[in-house]
Amino acid sequence: MAHAAGVADGRPVHLVHSAAMIYPTTLLDADLGAFTQAIHANGLALLYLVRAAMPLLGRGSSIVLISSAGARVPQANYGALGVGKALAESLVRYLVMELAPRGIRINAVAPGLVETTSVARMLGGQEAADRVLERAGRANPSGRLTQDQDYAAVVEFLLSPAAEFVQGQVIHVNGGAYVPA
């Protein structure tokens, strides 16, 4: 059965890129080889993915990057991930220029702090993570941490036809965290 580019069973093909490499380090103390690997995984991987997927993408397709607040708000030992996600967010904006004329959307969603094993790894263990997560939940104007369904709903919207004119945006889903006081 033949398929038109970007269409599988009559529906557009969509991509959600959520890969991340955890390398907790300060910038000045980072091993530059490991830091470069993290930048590739957290930033440039988006470009590799989009280029490889181009034969499958077509009018109506949508790409969503899962980013991080750390791309815009520096955090301790988060440089390798934050700088990589900042690069990926910049790629999202630049790719709009090439994808929008083809009818392909690209955007990013930046969840707030989510309780994951990666957070524990970033913070040096579950005990440290529990302390940070508890504090962050209390400090959030919405009174809790971000949950999977919070940002999954935004991703679903961005993949839907209702988001046809949303291009190159980073949508923060964090309950108001990082809003200046």
N, C-alpha and C. Protein backbone atom coordinates (compact mmCIF):
# COMPACT_ATOMS: atom_id res chain seq x y z
N MET A 1 0.84 -1.18 0.00
CA MET A 1 0.00 0.00 0.00
C MET A 1 0.88 1.24 0.00
N ALA A 2 0.65 2.15 -0.90
CA ALA A 2 1.45 3.37 -1.00
C ALA A 2 0.89 4.43 -0.04
N HIS A 3 1.80 5.19 0.56
CA HIS A 3 1.41 6.28 1.46
C HIS A 3 1.99 7.58 0.94
N ALA A 4 1.21 8.63 0.97
CA ALA A 4 1.73 9.95 0.64
C ALA A 4 2.68 10.37 1.75
N ALA A 5 3.68 11.19 1.40
CA ALA A 5 4.63 11.67 2.41
C ALA A 5 3.86 12.36 3.53
N GLY A 6 4.19 11.99 4.74
CA GLY A 6 3.57 12.63 5.90
C GLY A 6 2.22 12.08 6.28
N VAL A 7 1.77 11.05 5.59
CA VAL A 7 0.44 10.53 5.90
C VAL A 7 0.52 9.01 6.06
N ALA A 8 0.00 8.53 7.18
CA ALA A 8 -0.09 7.09 7.42
C ALA A 8 -1.55 6.78 7.68
N ASP A 9 -2.12 5.91 6.87
CA ASP A 9 -3.54 5.57 7.00
C ASP A 9 -4.42 6.82 6.97
N GLY A 10 -4.06 7.78 6.13
CA GLY A 10 -4.86 8.99 5.98
C GLY A 10 -4.65 10.04 7.05
N ARG A 11 -3.74 9.80 7.99
CA ARG A 11 -3.49 10.75 9.08
C ARG A 11 -2.06 11.28 8.99
N PRO A 12 -1.84 12.53 9.42
CA PRO A 12 -0.47 13.06 9.44
C PRO A 12 0.40 12.30 10.44
N VAL A 13 1.68 12.25 10.16
CA VAL A 13 2.66 11.64 11.06
C VAL A 13 3.17 12.72 12.01
N HIS A 14 3.22 12.41 13.31
CA HIS A 14 3.69 13.36 14.31
C HIS A 14 4.89 12.79 15.06
N LEU A 15 5.74 13.68 15.55
CA LEU A 15 6.91 13.28 16.35
C LEU A 15 6.89 14.02 17.67
N VAL A 16 7.22 13.31 18.75
CA VAL A 16 7.44 13.94 20.05
C VAL A 16 8.83 13.51 20.48
N HIS A 17 9.72 14.49 20.63
CA HIS A 17 11.11 14.22 21.00
C HIS A 17 11.29 14.53 22.48
N SER A 18 11.53 13.48 23.27
CA SER A 18 11.64 13.68 24.72
C SER A 18 12.94 13.14 25.30
N ALA A 19 13.88 12.77 24.47
CA ALA A 19 15.14 12.21 24.97
C ALA A 19 15.94 13.27 25.72
N ALA A 20 16.63 12.83 26.75
CA ALA A 20 17.51 13.73 27.50
C ALA A 20 18.65 12.92 28.09
N MET A 21 19.81 13.54 28.16
CA MET A 21 20.97 12.91 28.80
C MET A 21 21.27 13.69 30.07
N ILE A 22 21.27 13.00 31.19
CA ILE A 22 21.56 13.62 32.48
C ILE A 22 23.07 13.60 32.70
N TYR A 23 23.65 14.77 32.84
CA TYR A 23 25.06 14.90 33.19
C TYR A 23 25.16 16.06 34.19
N PRO A 24 24.97 15.77 35.48
CA PRO A 24 24.99 16.84 36.48
C PRO A 24 26.41 17.35 36.71
N THR A 25 26.61 18.61 36.38
CA THR A 25 27.93 19.21 36.53
C THR A 25 27.81 20.72 36.46
N THR A 26 28.80 21.38 37.02
CA THR A 26 28.92 22.82 36.78
C THR A 26 29.59 22.98 35.43
N LEU A 27 29.47 24.14 34.83
CA LEU A 27 30.07 24.35 33.52
C LEU A 27 31.59 24.37 33.60
N LEU A 28 32.12 25.04 34.60
CA LEU A 28 33.57 25.17 34.69
C LEU A 28 34.26 23.87 35.07
N ASP A 29 33.55 22.96 35.72
CA ASP A 29 34.14 21.67 36.12
C ASP A 29 33.79 20.53 35.16
N ALA A 30 33.01 20.81 34.14
CA ALA A 30 32.54 19.75 33.24
C ALA A 30 33.69 19.14 32.45
N ASP A 31 33.64 17.84 32.29
CA ASP A 31 34.51 17.17 31.33
C ASP A 31 33.98 17.55 29.96
N LEU A 32 34.79 18.19 29.13
CA LEU A 32 34.29 18.72 27.87
C LEU A 32 33.82 17.64 26.90
N GLY A 33 34.38 16.46 26.99
CA GLY A 33 33.90 15.36 26.15
C GLY A 33 32.50 14.95 26.56
N ALA A 34 32.27 14.77 27.86
CA ALA A 34 30.94 14.40 28.36
C ALA A 34 29.95 15.54 28.13
N PHE A 35 30.42 16.78 28.30
CA PHE A 35 29.55 17.93 28.08
C PHE A 35 29.11 17.99 26.62
N THR A 36 30.04 17.78 25.71
CA THR A 36 29.71 17.78 24.28
C THR A 36 28.72 16.67 23.95
N GLN A 37 28.91 15.51 24.55
CA GLN A 37 27.97 14.40 24.33
C GLN A 37 26.57 14.79 24.83
N ALA A 38 26.50 15.46 25.97
CA ALA A 38 25.21 15.90 26.51
C ALA A 38 24.57 16.95 25.61
N ILE A 39 25.36 17.86 25.07
CA ILE A 39 24.82 18.88 24.16
C ILE A 39 24.26 18.21 22.91
N HIS A 40 24.94 17.22 22.41
CA HIS A 40 24.43 16.48 21.24
C HIS A 40 23.11 15.78 21.59
N ALA A 41 23.07 15.11 22.72
CA ALA A 41 21.86 14.36 23.10
C ALA A 41 20.70 15.29 23.43
N ASN A 42 20.96 16.37 24.14
CA ASN A 42 19.90 17.26 24.61
C ASN A 42 19.53 18.36 23.61
N GLY A 43 20.39 18.61 22.66
CA GLY A 43 20.13 19.69 21.71
C GLY A 43 20.10 19.24 20.27
N LEU A 44 21.25 18.82 19.77
CA LEU A 44 21.36 18.48 18.35
C LEU A 44 20.57 17.25 17.95
N ALA A 45 20.23 16.38 18.89
CA ALA A 45 19.44 15.18 18.54
C ALA A 45 18.13 15.57 17.87
N LEU A 46 17.57 16.72 18.23
CA LEU A 46 16.34 17.17 17.58
C LEU A 46 16.55 17.33 16.08
N LEU A 47 17.64 17.96 15.69
CA LEU A 47 17.92 18.17 14.27
C LEU A 47 18.13 16.83 13.56
N TYR A 48 18.87 15.92 14.18
CA TYR A 48 19.08 14.60 13.59
C TYR A 48 17.74 13.89 13.38
N LEU A 49 16.87 13.96 14.39
CA LEU A 49 15.56 13.31 14.31
C LEU A 49 14.71 13.90 13.18
N VAL A 50 14.64 15.21 13.12
CA VAL A 50 13.82 15.87 12.10
C VAL A 50 14.34 15.53 10.71
N ARG A 51 15.64 15.60 10.52
CA ARG A 51 16.21 15.29 9.21
C ARG A 51 15.91 13.84 8.80
N ALA A 52 16.05 12.91 9.74
CA ALA A 52 15.79 11.50 9.43
C ALA A 52 14.31 11.25 9.14
N ALA A 53 13.44 12.03 9.79
CA ALA A 53 11.99 11.81 9.65
C ALA A 53 11.38 12.55 8.45
N MET A 54 12.10 13.40 7.79
CA MET A 54 11.52 14.21 6.72
C MET A 54 10.78 13.39 5.66
N PRO A 55 11.24 12.21 5.28
CA PRO A 55 10.47 11.45 4.29
C PRO A 55 9.07 11.04 4.79
N LEU A 56 8.88 11.01 6.10
CA LEU A 56 7.59 10.62 6.69
C LEU A 56 6.68 11.81 6.98
N LEU A 57 7.25 13.00 7.01
CA LEU A 57 6.50 14.19 7.41
C LEU A 57 5.94 14.91 6.20
N GLY A 58 4.77 15.48 6.39
CA GLY A 58 4.15 16.24 5.32
C GLY A 58 3.12 17.20 5.89
N ARG A 59 2.38 17.83 5.02
CA ARG A 59 1.37 18.81 5.43
C ARG A 59 0.49 18.23 6.52
N GLY A 60 0.39 18.97 7.64
CA GLY A 60 -0.42 18.54 8.78
C GLY A 60 0.38 17.83 9.86
N SER A 61 1.64 17.46 9.55
CA SER A 61 2.48 16.83 10.57
C SER A 61 2.90 17.86 11.61
N SER A 62 3.22 17.36 12.79
CA SER A 62 3.64 18.24 13.88
C SER A 62 4.77 17.57 14.65
N ILE A 63 5.73 18.39 15.06
CA ILE A 63 6.86 17.94 15.87
C ILE A 63 6.81 18.71 17.18
N VAL A 64 6.96 17.99 18.30
CA VAL A 64 6.99 18.64 19.61
C VAL A 64 8.24 18.18 20.35
N LEU A 65 9.02 19.14 20.78
CA LEU A 65 10.19 18.90 21.62
C LEU A 65 9.76 19.03 23.07
N ILE A 66 10.15 18.06 23.92
CA ILE A 66 9.97 18.23 25.36
C ILE A 66 11.24 18.90 25.86
N SER A 67 11.11 20.12 26.31
CA SER A 67 12.24 20.91 26.76
C SER A 67 12.27 20.94 28.28
N SER A 68 12.72 22.04 28.82
CA SER A 68 12.89 22.15 30.27
C SER A 68 12.96 23.62 30.64
N ALA A 69 12.45 23.94 31.80
CA ALA A 69 12.60 25.31 32.30
C ALA A 69 14.07 25.67 32.43
N GLY A 70 14.91 24.65 32.64
CA GLY A 70 16.35 24.87 32.76
C GLY A 70 16.99 25.43 31.50
N ALA A 71 16.29 25.42 30.39
CA ALA A 71 16.80 26.04 29.17
C ALA A 71 16.81 27.56 29.29
N ARG A 72 15.99 28.10 30.20
CA ARG A 72 15.89 29.56 30.36
C ARG A 72 16.22 30.03 31.76
N VAL A 73 16.10 29.15 32.74
CA VAL A 73 16.35 29.52 34.14
C VAL A 73 17.51 28.67 34.64
N PRO A 74 18.71 29.25 34.77
CA PRO A 74 19.86 28.46 35.22
C PRO A 74 19.62 27.82 36.59
N GLN A 75 20.06 26.59 36.71
CA GLN A 75 19.92 25.84 37.95
C GLN A 75 21.25 25.13 38.23
N ALA A 76 21.55 24.92 39.50
CA ALA A 76 22.81 24.29 39.90
C ALA A 76 22.97 22.92 39.26
N ASN A 77 24.15 22.65 38.74
CA ASN A 77 24.52 21.36 38.16
C ASN A 77 23.63 20.95 36.98
N TYR A 78 22.98 21.90 36.32
CA TYR A 78 22.03 21.61 35.26
C TYR A 78 22.51 22.12 33.90
N GLY A 79 23.75 22.63 33.86
CA GLY A 79 24.25 23.27 32.64
C GLY A 79 24.23 22.40 31.41
N ALA A 80 24.65 21.15 31.52
CA ALA A 80 24.71 20.29 30.34
C ALA A 80 23.33 20.03 29.77
N LEU A 81 22.35 19.86 30.64
CA LEU A 81 20.98 19.65 30.17
C LEU A 81 20.35 20.97 29.74
N GLY A 82 20.50 22.00 30.56
CA GLY A 82 19.89 23.30 30.25
C GLY A 82 20.41 23.93 28.98
N VAL A 83 21.72 23.92 28.79
CA VAL A 83 22.31 24.49 27.58
C VAL A 83 21.89 23.68 26.36
N GLY A 84 21.85 22.36 26.50
CA GLY A 84 21.40 21.52 25.40
C GLY A 84 19.96 21.79 25.02
N LYS A 85 19.09 21.92 26.01
CA LYS A 85 17.67 22.20 25.73
C LYS A 85 17.51 23.62 25.16
N ALA A 86 18.35 24.57 25.60
CA ALA A 86 18.31 25.92 25.02
C ALA A 86 18.67 25.86 23.53
N LEU A 87 19.67 25.05 23.20
CA LEU A 87 20.03 24.85 21.79
C LEU A 87 18.85 24.25 21.03
N ALA A 88 18.21 23.24 21.59
CA ALA A 88 17.07 22.60 20.92
C ALA A 88 15.92 23.60 20.72
N GLU A 89 15.66 24.45 21.73
CA GLU A 89 14.61 25.46 21.58
C GLU A 89 14.96 26.44 20.46
N SER A 90 16.22 26.79 20.34
CA SER A 90 16.64 27.66 19.24
C SER A 90 16.45 26.95 17.90
N LEU A 91 16.78 25.67 17.85
CA LEU A 91 16.56 24.90 16.62
C LEU A 91 15.08 24.88 16.25
N VAL A 92 14.20 24.77 17.23
CA VAL A 92 12.76 24.81 16.96
C VAL A 92 12.41 26.08 16.20
N ARG A 93 12.90 27.23 16.70
CA ARG A 93 12.58 28.51 16.04
C ARG A 93 13.15 28.57 14.63
N TYR A 94 14.38 28.11 14.44
CA TYR A 94 14.99 28.14 13.12
C TYR A 94 14.33 27.16 12.16
N LEU A 95 13.93 26.00 12.65
CA LEU A 95 13.29 25.01 11.79
C LEU A 95 11.93 25.47 11.29
N VAL A 96 11.28 26.38 12.01
CA VAL A 96 10.00 26.92 11.53
C VAL A 96 10.17 27.48 10.12
N MET A 97 11.28 28.15 9.87
CA MET A 97 11.50 28.78 8.57
C MET A 97 11.52 27.75 7.43
N GLU A 98 11.94 26.53 7.73
CA GLU A 98 12.02 25.50 6.70
C GLU A 98 10.82 24.57 6.69
N LEU A 99 10.21 24.37 7.85
CA LEU A 99 9.10 23.42 7.94
C LEU A 99 7.73 24.05 7.66
N ALA A 100 7.52 25.28 8.11
CA ALA A 100 6.20 25.91 7.94
C ALA A 100 5.76 25.98 6.48
N PRO A 101 6.64 26.33 5.54
CA PRO A 101 6.20 26.35 4.14
C PRO A 101 5.76 24.96 3.63
N ARG A 102 6.18 23.91 4.30
CA ARG A 102 5.79 22.55 3.92
C ARG A 102 4.55 22.09 4.67
N GLY A 103 4.00 22.97 5.52
CA GLY A 103 2.80 22.62 6.28
C GLY A 103 3.09 21.78 7.51
N ILE A 104 4.34 21.78 7.97
CA ILE A 104 4.75 21.01 9.14
C ILE A 104 4.97 21.98 10.30
N ARG A 105 4.37 21.67 11.45
CA ARG A 105 4.52 22.51 12.63
C ARG A 105 5.62 21.97 13.53
N ILE A 106 6.29 22.87 14.25
CA ILE A 106 7.26 22.47 15.26
C ILE A 106 7.17 23.43 16.44
N ASN A 107 7.08 22.87 17.62
CA ASN A 107 6.96 23.63 18.86
C ASN A 107 7.65 22.87 19.99
N ALA A 108 7.68 23.48 21.15
CA ALA A 108 8.27 22.83 22.33
C ALA A 108 7.35 23.02 23.53
N VAL A 109 7.41 22.06 24.43
CA VAL A 109 6.69 22.14 25.71
C VAL A 109 7.75 22.01 26.79
N ALA A 110 7.73 22.93 27.75
CA ALA A 110 8.69 22.92 28.85
C ALA A 110 7.94 22.70 30.16
N PRO A 111 7.90 21.44 30.62
CA PRO A 111 7.24 21.17 31.90
C PRO A 111 8.03 21.78 33.06
N GLY A 112 7.33 22.02 34.14
CA GLY A 112 8.01 22.39 35.37
C GLY A 112 8.64 21.15 35.97
N LEU A 113 9.05 21.25 37.20
CA LEU A 113 9.69 20.13 37.88
C LEU A 113 8.70 18.97 38.01
N VAL A 114 9.14 17.79 37.52
CA VAL A 114 8.34 16.57 37.55
C VAL A 114 9.12 15.54 38.36
N GLU A 115 8.44 14.81 39.21
CA GLU A 115 9.11 13.79 40.01
C GLU A 115 9.46 12.59 39.13
N THR A 116 10.76 12.46 38.83
CA THR A 116 11.24 11.35 38.00
C THR A 116 12.55 10.82 38.58
N THR A 117 12.97 9.67 38.09
CA THR A 117 14.26 9.13 38.50
C THR A 117 15.40 10.02 38.00
N SER A 118 15.17 10.72 36.89
CA SER A 118 16.19 11.62 36.37
C SER A 118 16.45 12.78 37.33
N VAL A 119 15.41 13.27 37.97
CA VAL A 119 15.58 14.35 38.95
C VAL A 119 16.45 13.85 40.11
N ALA A 120 16.19 12.65 40.56
CA ALA A 120 16.99 12.08 41.65
C ALA A 120 18.45 11.95 41.21
N ARG A 121 18.66 11.52 40.00
CA ARG A 121 20.02 11.38 39.48
C ARG A 121 20.72 12.73 39.39
N MET A 122 19.98 13.74 38.92
CA MET A 122 20.53 15.08 38.77
C MET A 122 20.92 15.67 40.13
N LEU A 123 20.13 15.34 41.15
CA LEU A 123 20.34 15.93 42.48
C LEU A 123 21.19 15.06 43.39
N GLY A 124 21.68 13.93 42.90
CA GLY A 124 22.59 13.12 43.68
C GLY A 124 21.94 12.06 44.55
N GLY A 125 20.67 11.75 44.31
CA GLY A 125 20.02 10.68 45.06
C GLY A 125 18.59 11.02 45.41
N GLN A 126 17.84 10.00 45.81
CA GLN A 126 16.42 10.16 46.09
C GLN A 126 16.15 11.05 47.30
N GLU A 127 16.99 10.95 48.33
CA GLU A 127 16.77 11.76 49.52
C GLU A 127 16.88 13.25 49.22
N ALA A 128 17.91 13.63 48.48
CA ALA A 128 18.07 15.04 48.08
C ALA A 128 16.91 15.45 47.17
N ALA A 129 16.51 14.57 46.26
CA ALA A 129 15.41 14.88 45.34
C ALA A 129 14.12 15.09 46.11
N ASP A 130 13.85 14.24 47.11
CA ASP A 130 12.62 14.39 47.91
C ASP A 130 12.56 15.76 48.57
N ARG A 131 13.68 16.22 49.09
CA ARG A 131 13.71 17.54 49.74
C ARG A 131 13.42 18.66 48.73
N VAL A 132 14.09 18.59 47.59
CA VAL A 132 13.90 19.62 46.56
C VAL A 132 12.48 19.59 46.01
N LEU A 133 11.97 18.41 45.74
CA LEU A 133 10.61 18.28 45.19
C LEU A 133 9.56 18.80 46.17
N GLU A 134 9.74 18.50 47.44
CA GLU A 134 8.78 18.97 48.45
C GLU A 134 8.80 20.49 48.54
N ARG A 135 9.98 21.07 48.55
CA ARG A 135 10.11 22.54 48.59
C ARG A 135 9.52 23.17 47.33
N ALA A 136 9.81 22.58 46.18
CA ALA A 136 9.33 23.13 44.91
C ALA A 136 7.81 23.07 44.83
N GLY A 137 7.22 21.99 45.30
CA GLY A 137 5.76 21.87 45.30
C GLY A 137 5.11 22.94 46.16
N ARG A 138 5.70 23.19 47.32
CA ARG A 138 5.16 24.23 48.22
C ARG A 138 5.35 25.63 47.64
N ALA A 139 6.47 25.86 46.96
CA ALA A 139 6.78 27.18 46.42
C ALA A 139 6.00 27.49 45.14
N ASN A 140 5.51 26.48 44.46
CA ASN A 140 4.78 26.69 43.21
C ASN A 140 3.48 27.42 43.52
N PRO A 141 3.16 28.48 42.77
CA PRO A 141 1.91 29.21 43.01
C PRO A 141 0.67 28.30 42.94
N SER A 142 0.75 27.23 42.18
CA SER A 142 -0.39 26.30 42.07
C SER A 142 -0.38 25.24 43.17
N GLY A 143 0.64 25.26 44.02
CA GLY A 143 0.67 24.40 45.19
C GLY A 143 1.09 22.96 44.97
N ARG A 144 1.65 22.65 43.79
CA ARG A 144 2.09 21.27 43.54
C ARG A 144 3.10 21.27 42.39
N LEU A 145 3.71 20.10 42.21
CA LEU A 145 4.62 19.90 41.09
C LEU A 145 3.84 19.65 39.80
N THR A 146 4.52 19.78 38.69
CA THR A 146 3.94 19.41 37.40
C THR A 146 3.77 17.89 37.35
N GLN A 147 2.67 17.45 36.80
CA GLN A 147 2.41 16.03 36.63
C GLN A 147 2.38 15.70 35.14
N ASP A 148 2.62 14.44 34.83
CA ASP A 148 2.68 14.03 33.42
C ASP A 148 1.48 14.51 32.62
N GLN A 149 0.29 14.35 33.16
CA GLN A 149 -0.92 14.70 32.40
C GLN A 149 -1.01 16.20 32.12
N ASP A 150 -0.33 17.02 32.94
CA ASP A 150 -0.36 18.47 32.70
C ASP A 150 0.27 18.82 31.36
N TYR A 151 1.47 18.32 31.13
CA TYR A 151 2.11 18.68 29.87
C TYR A 151 1.71 17.76 28.72
N ALA A 152 1.28 16.53 29.01
CA ALA A 152 0.79 15.64 27.95
C ALA A 152 -0.42 16.26 27.25
N ALA A 153 -1.26 16.94 28.00
CA ALA A 153 -2.43 17.59 27.39
C ALA A 153 -2.02 18.69 26.42
N VAL A 154 -0.97 19.41 26.73
CA VAL A 154 -0.48 20.47 25.84
C VAL A 154 0.15 19.83 24.59
N VAL A 155 0.88 18.75 24.78
CA VAL A 155 1.45 18.04 23.62
C VAL A 155 0.32 17.57 22.71
N GLU A 156 -0.71 16.98 23.28
CA GLU A 156 -1.85 16.53 22.47
C GLU A 156 -2.46 17.68 21.68
N PHE A 157 -2.60 18.83 22.33
CA PHE A 157 -3.12 20.00 21.62
C PHE A 157 -2.22 20.37 20.45
N LEU A 158 -0.91 20.42 20.69
CA LEU A 158 0.01 20.82 19.62
C LEU A 158 0.03 19.83 18.46
N LEU A 159 -0.33 18.59 18.71
CA LEU A 159 -0.41 17.59 17.65
C LEU A 159 -1.74 17.64 16.91
N SER A 160 -2.68 18.38 17.45
CA SER A 160 -4.04 18.40 16.87
C SER A 160 -4.18 19.48 15.79
N PRO A 161 -5.18 19.34 14.93
CA PRO A 161 -5.44 20.38 13.92
C PRO A 161 -5.78 21.73 14.54
N ALA A 162 -6.25 21.75 15.78
CA ALA A 162 -6.57 23.02 16.43
C ALA A 162 -5.34 23.91 16.61
N ALA A 163 -4.15 23.33 16.57
CA ALA A 163 -2.91 24.09 16.74
C ALA A 163 -2.26 24.42 15.39
N GLU A 164 -3.05 24.41 14.34
CA GLU A 164 -2.52 24.59 12.99
C GLU A 164 -1.66 25.83 12.82
N PHE A 165 -1.95 26.90 13.54
CA PHE A 165 -1.23 28.16 13.35
C PHE A 165 -0.26 28.45 14.50
N VAL A 166 0.04 27.46 15.31
CA VAL A 166 1.01 27.61 16.39
C VAL A 166 2.35 27.08 15.86
N GLN A 167 3.33 27.94 15.78
CA GLN A 167 4.64 27.59 15.21
C GLN A 167 5.76 28.20 16.05
N GLY A 168 6.77 27.41 16.33
CA GLY A 168 8.00 27.91 16.94
C GLY A 168 7.87 28.36 18.38
N GLN A 169 6.86 27.88 19.09
CA GLN A 169 6.61 28.34 20.45
C GLN A 169 7.17 27.36 21.48
N VAL A 170 7.54 27.91 22.63
CA VAL A 170 7.88 27.10 23.80
C VAL A 170 6.79 27.38 24.82
N ILE A 171 5.99 26.39 25.10
CA ILE A 171 4.87 26.55 26.04
C ILE A 171 5.29 25.96 27.37
N HIS A 172 5.33 26.81 28.39
CA HIS A 172 5.73 26.38 29.73
C HIS A 172 4.50 25.87 30.48
N VAL A 173 4.61 24.68 31.00
CA VAL A 173 3.53 24.04 31.75
C VAL A 173 4.08 23.76 33.13
N ASN A 174 3.93 24.75 34.02
CA ASN A 174 4.60 24.65 35.31
C ASN A 174 3.80 25.20 36.49
N GLY A 175 2.54 25.47 36.30
CA GLY A 175 1.72 25.96 37.39
C GLY A 175 2.07 27.34 37.89
N GLY A 176 2.85 28.07 37.13
CA GLY A 176 3.25 29.42 37.54
C GLY A 176 4.63 29.50 38.15
N ALA A 177 5.33 28.38 38.22
CA ALA A 177 6.71 28.41 38.73
C ALA A 177 7.53 29.28 37.79
N TYR A 178 8.51 29.95 38.31
CA TYR A 178 9.43 30.80 37.57
C TYR A 178 8.81 32.11 37.13
N VAL A 179 7.60 32.41 37.57
CA VAL A 179 7.00 33.71 37.28
C VAL A 179 7.63 34.70 38.27
N PRO A 180 8.19 35.80 37.76
CA PRO A 180 8.82 36.76 38.68
C PRO A 180 7.83 37.30 39.70
N ALA A 181 8.31 37.45 40.92
CA ALA A 181 7.44 37.97 41.98
C ALA A 181 7.27 39.46 41.87
